[in-house]
């Protein structure tokens, strides 16, 4: 399920982000980069990151390639605020992905792009697919596979900055009592993985829980999983705060 950003929502959210210094300057990029090439930021994950992106568009900073979710909001704000940094944003999120799916495409979709900043949001499908798609992965599988993926990334790209976003859900739509307490345990596992990998961890569940007291959960994620435009703006803002250097 994909929620497209309305023009008003996009302009409002992007404007709120535009003044921030989100990313390292070109001088702090990988030493192996040619002079004049700027920071590469890569977003990885499942449908929340995918945002209906055009997979045929592989070049950085292209609206179709960035999709319609939080990576577009982050990229738009940073590119507007820092036209001198030659920033390059890529989105390689794939709808339906679990950690094992990321692993299968990690070389081509992550390591080969040599990101300076790698942002990952994954975990919802690692539980959701157990409810109706025959997946049997355990919490331990999720944690160990996720940790191994980041360990591989650290070895291949020792200077990369890792940002791990906490998987989250809201109690509405597809999300019911069957999700708990296992989903909460998976959230905790994601935080442990981030700590082990020396990654920046971005809490999201408590943020959305607080927001759901101000407006109905459906306002932020209509089916409990996929954010609305308002929900994506919240993720983008939290990402901005975490990536500020």
Protein backbone atom coordinates (compact mmCIF):
# COMPACT_ATOMS: atom_id res chain seq x y z
CA UNK A 1 0.00 0.00 0.00
CA UNK A 2 1.46 3.38 -1.00
CA UNK A 3 0.37 6.81 0.17
CA UNK A 4 1.40 9.60 -2.20
CA UNK A 5 2.28 12.99 -0.80
CA UNK A 6 -0.05 15.82 -1.71
CA UNK A 7 1.54 19.00 -2.99
CA UNK A 8 0.59 20.89 0.16
CA UNK A 9 1.94 18.18 2.49
CA UNK A 10 5.17 17.98 0.51
CA UNK A 11 5.80 21.71 0.45
CA UNK A 12 5.00 22.07 4.15
CA UNK A 13 7.25 19.22 5.24
CA UNK A 14 10.11 20.13 2.92
CA UNK A 15 9.98 23.71 4.02
CA UNK A 16 10.20 22.70 7.66
CA UNK A 17 13.33 20.70 6.91
CA UNK A 18 15.07 23.07 4.54
CA UNK A 19 17.10 25.12 6.98
CA UNK A 20 18.95 22.24 8.60
CA UNK A 21 22.50 21.12 7.94
CA UNK A 22 21.64 17.44 7.55
CA UNK A 23 24.79 15.90 6.26
CA UNK A 24 28.56 15.98 6.31
CA UNK A 25 30.26 18.27 3.85
CA UNK A 26 32.02 16.90 0.80
CA UNK A 27 35.28 17.14 2.74
CA UNK A 28 34.14 14.39 5.11
CA UNK A 29 33.09 11.95 2.38
CA UNK A 30 35.05 8.75 1.72
CA UNK A 31 38.68 9.54 0.99
CA UNK A 32 38.43 7.40 -2.14
CA UNK A 33 35.99 9.80 -3.80
CA UNK A 34 37.22 12.03 -6.57
CA UNK A 35 37.59 15.70 -5.77
CA UNK A 36 34.30 17.52 -6.34
CA UNK A 37 32.10 14.51 -5.69
CA UNK A 38 29.85 14.99 -2.69
CA UNK A 39 28.28 12.89 0.00
CA UNK A 40 26.27 9.84 -1.07
CA UNK A 41 23.20 9.10 1.04
CA UNK A 42 21.42 5.77 0.57
CA UNK A 43 18.02 4.81 1.97
CA UNK A 44 17.34 1.09 2.36
CA UNK A 45 14.32 -0.83 3.61
CA UNK A 46 10.86 -2.05 2.70
CA UNK A 47 7.70 -0.38 1.35
CA UNK A 48 7.84 2.47 3.87
CA UNK A 49 11.12 3.52 2.27
CA UNK A 50 10.27 2.34 -1.25
CA UNK A 51 7.39 4.82 -1.59
CA UNK A 52 6.46 3.56 -5.05
CA UNK A 53 9.82 4.57 -6.52
CA UNK A 54 10.54 4.03 -10.19
CA UNK A 55 13.03 1.16 -10.30
CA UNK A 56 13.96 2.01 -13.88
CA UNK A 57 15.33 5.36 -12.68
CA UNK A 58 18.68 4.67 -11.08
CA UNK A 59 20.36 8.08 -11.08
CA UNK A 60 20.58 10.06 -7.83
CA UNK A 61 18.32 12.98 -6.90
CA UNK A 62 15.58 12.10 -9.39
CA UNK A 63 12.02 12.45 -8.04
CA UNK A 64 10.82 9.19 -9.56
CA UNK A 65 13.83 7.31 -8.25
CA UNK A 66 13.32 8.68 -4.73
CA UNK A 67 9.67 7.65 -4.48
CA UNK A 68 7.01 9.57 -2.56
CA UNK A 69 7.96 8.80 1.04
CA UNK A 70 10.36 10.22 3.62
CA UNK A 71 13.55 9.86 1.47
CA UNK A 72 12.07 12.36 -0.99
CA UNK A 73 11.32 14.82 1.81
CA UNK A 74 14.81 14.52 3.27
CA UNK A 75 16.53 14.79 -0.11
CA UNK A 76 14.44 17.75 -1.26
CA UNK A 77 15.21 19.75 1.87
CA UNK A 78 18.93 18.97 1.86
CA UNK A 79 19.37 19.67 -1.85
CA UNK A 80 17.56 23.00 -1.51
CA UNK A 81 19.58 24.02 1.55
CA UNK A 82 22.99 22.91 0.25
CA UNK A 83 23.28 23.36 -3.55
CA UNK A 84 27.06 23.65 -3.18
CA UNK A 85 27.65 20.20 -1.66
CA UNK A 86 26.98 18.00 -4.69
CA UNK A 87 24.87 15.72 -2.50
CA UNK A 88 23.62 12.50 -4.07
CA UNK A 89 20.57 10.71 -2.71
CA UNK A 90 19.56 7.16 -3.63
CA UNK A 91 16.55 5.10 -2.60
CA UNK A 92 16.83 1.33 -2.83
CA UNK A 93 13.91 0.35 -0.60
CA UNK A 94 11.86 -2.58 -1.92
CA UNK A 95 8.26 -3.21 -0.90
CA UNK A 96 7.77 -6.42 1.05
CA UNK A 97 11.42 -6.84 1.99
CA UNK A 98 12.61 -8.54 5.15
CA UNK A 99 16.19 -8.66 6.41
CA UNK A 100 16.93 -11.86 4.40
CA UNK A 101 15.72 -10.07 1.27
CA UNK A 102 18.07 -7.17 1.92
CA UNK A 103 20.91 -9.64 2.32
CA UNK A 104 20.27 -11.15 -1.11
CA UNK A 105 20.60 -7.81 -2.89
CA UNK A 106 23.03 -6.05 -0.55
CA UNK A 107 26.09 -6.04 -2.80
CA UNK A 108 24.41 -4.51 -5.82
CA UNK A 109 21.97 -2.24 -4.02
CA UNK A 110 24.18 -1.04 -1.19
CA UNK A 111 27.88 -1.87 -1.17
CA UNK A 112 28.42 -1.09 -4.85
CA UNK A 113 26.96 2.41 -4.33
CA UNK A 114 29.59 3.11 -1.64
CA UNK A 115 27.36 5.33 0.48
CA UNK A 116 28.80 7.77 3.00
CA UNK A 117 25.51 7.69 4.91
CA UNK A 118 23.43 4.50 4.94
CA UNK A 119 19.93 4.67 6.42
CA UNK A 120 17.96 1.47 7.05
CA UNK A 121 14.35 0.91 8.11
CA UNK A 122 13.37 -2.76 8.15
CA UNK A 123 11.48 -5.11 10.45
CA UNK A 124 7.74 -4.79 9.88
CA UNK A 125 7.60 -7.53 7.26
CA UNK A 126 9.87 -9.76 9.33
CA UNK A 127 6.89 -10.11 11.64
CA UNK A 128 3.91 -9.33 9.37
CA UNK A 129 4.77 -12.10 6.91
CA UNK A 130 4.51 -14.63 9.72
CA UNK A 131 0.77 -13.92 9.97
CA UNK A 132 -0.23 -14.99 6.49
CA UNK A 133 2.68 -15.64 4.16
CA UNK A 134 4.29 -18.66 5.78
CA UNK A 135 7.43 -16.92 6.96
CA UNK A 136 8.90 -18.52 10.08
CA UNK A 137 11.79 -16.25 11.02
CA UNK A 138 12.24 -15.74 14.75
CA UNK A 139 13.26 -12.69 16.73
CA UNK A 140 16.71 -14.25 17.05
CA UNK A 141 16.88 -14.74 13.27
CA UNK A 142 15.98 -11.09 12.74
CA UNK A 143 18.60 -9.84 15.18
CA UNK A 144 21.42 -12.11 14.05
CA UNK A 145 20.81 -11.57 10.32
CA UNK A 146 20.49 -7.81 10.78
CA UNK A 147 23.68 -7.66 12.85
CA UNK A 148 25.54 -9.74 10.26
CA UNK A 149 24.39 -7.42 7.49
CA UNK A 150 25.71 -4.35 9.28
CA UNK A 151 28.91 -6.14 10.20
CA UNK A 152 29.46 -6.95 6.52
CA UNK A 153 28.79 -3.31 5.69
CA UNK A 154 31.32 -2.09 8.26
CA UNK A 155 33.97 -4.37 6.80
CA UNK A 156 33.32 -3.26 3.23
CA UNK A 157 32.78 0.43 4.03
CA UNK A 158 34.64 1.20 7.25
CA UNK A 159 33.92 4.94 7.12
CA UNK A 160 30.19 4.69 6.41
CA UNK A 161 27.81 6.41 8.80
CA UNK A 162 24.97 4.03 9.70
CA UNK A 163 21.51 5.22 10.65
CA UNK A 164 19.06 2.58 11.89
CA UNK A 165 15.42 3.64 12.10
CA UNK A 166 13.25 1.83 14.60
CA UNK A 167 10.48 -0.27 13.01
CA UNK A 168 7.09 0.89 14.25
CA UNK A 169 3.36 0.25 13.89
CA UNK A 170 0.17 1.93 15.05
CA UNK A 171 -2.80 0.03 16.48
CA UNK A 172 -5.25 0.29 13.62
CA UNK A 173 -5.93 -1.34 10.24
CA UNK A 174 -3.85 -4.50 9.88
CA UNK A 175 -2.27 -4.15 13.32
CA UNK A 176 -4.08 -5.97 16.10
CA UNK A 177 -3.27 -7.89 19.28
CA UNK A 178 -1.52 -10.64 17.31
CA UNK A 179 1.41 -8.29 16.77
CA UNK A 180 2.27 -8.02 20.44
CA UNK A 181 4.45 -8.58 22.37
CA UNK A 182 6.62 -10.03 19.58
CA UNK A 183 6.76 -6.87 17.53
CA UNK A 184 7.94 -4.90 20.56
CA UNK A 185 10.66 -7.49 21.08
CA UNK A 186 11.77 -7.01 17.48
CA UNK A 187 11.96 -3.26 18.02
CA UNK A 188 14.25 -3.88 20.97
CA UNK A 189 16.35 -6.18 18.79
CA UNK A 190 16.76 -3.42 16.18
CA UNK A 191 18.08 -1.10 18.87
CA UNK A 192 20.59 -3.69 20.06
CA UNK A 193 21.75 -4.19 16.47
CA UNK A 194 22.26 -0.45 16.08
CA UNK A 195 24.29 -0.26 19.29
CA UNK A 196 26.45 -3.20 18.29
CA UNK A 197 27.13 -1.65 14.88
CA UNK A 198 27.87 1.80 16.35
CA UNK A 199 24.99 3.17 14.33
CA UNK A 200 22.80 6.16 15.07
CA UNK A 201 19.47 4.78 16.30
CA UNK A 202 16.31 6.77 15.53
CA UNK A 203 13.37 5.93 17.83
CA UNK A 204 10.02 6.15 16.08
CA UNK A 205 7.51 4.03 18.02
CA UNK A 206 7.27 6.36 21.00
CA UNK A 207 7.02 9.34 18.65
CA UNK A 208 4.02 7.89 16.83
CA UNK A 209 2.45 6.65 20.06
CA UNK A 210 2.52 10.23 21.34
CA UNK A 211 1.14 11.59 18.08
CA UNK A 212 -1.69 9.02 18.14
CA UNK A 213 -2.93 10.70 21.31
CA UNK A 214 -3.31 13.97 19.41
CA UNK A 215 -4.94 12.55 16.27
CA UNK A 216 -6.33 9.13 15.38
CA UNK A 217 -3.68 6.50 14.53
CA UNK A 218 -5.09 6.34 10.99
CA UNK A 219 -4.05 9.96 10.50
CA UNK A 220 -0.41 8.88 10.69
CA UNK A 221 -0.64 5.38 9.15
CA UNK A 222 -3.95 4.44 7.57
CA UNK A 223 -3.41 0.68 7.82
CA UNK A 224 -1.24 0.82 10.91
CA UNK A 225 1.93 0.16 8.90
CA UNK A 226 2.29 2.48 5.90
CA UNK A 227 2.60 6.15 6.83
CA UNK A 228 0.35 8.82 5.39
CA UNK A 229 1.97 12.04 4.12
CA UNK A 230 1.84 13.36 7.68
CA UNK A 231 3.55 10.21 8.93
CA UNK A 232 6.31 10.46 6.36
CA UNK A 233 6.90 14.07 7.33
CA UNK A 234 7.38 12.94 10.94
CA UNK A 235 9.94 10.31 9.90
CA UNK A 236 11.78 12.84 7.75
CA UNK A 237 11.96 15.29 10.64
CA UNK A 238 13.30 12.64 13.02
CA UNK A 239 15.80 11.53 10.41
CA UNK A 240 16.95 15.13 10.00
CA UNK A 241 17.51 15.51 13.72
CA UNK A 242 19.51 12.29 13.90
CA UNK A 243 21.66 13.07 10.85
CA UNK A 244 22.49 16.62 11.92
CA UNK A 245 26.27 16.93 12.28
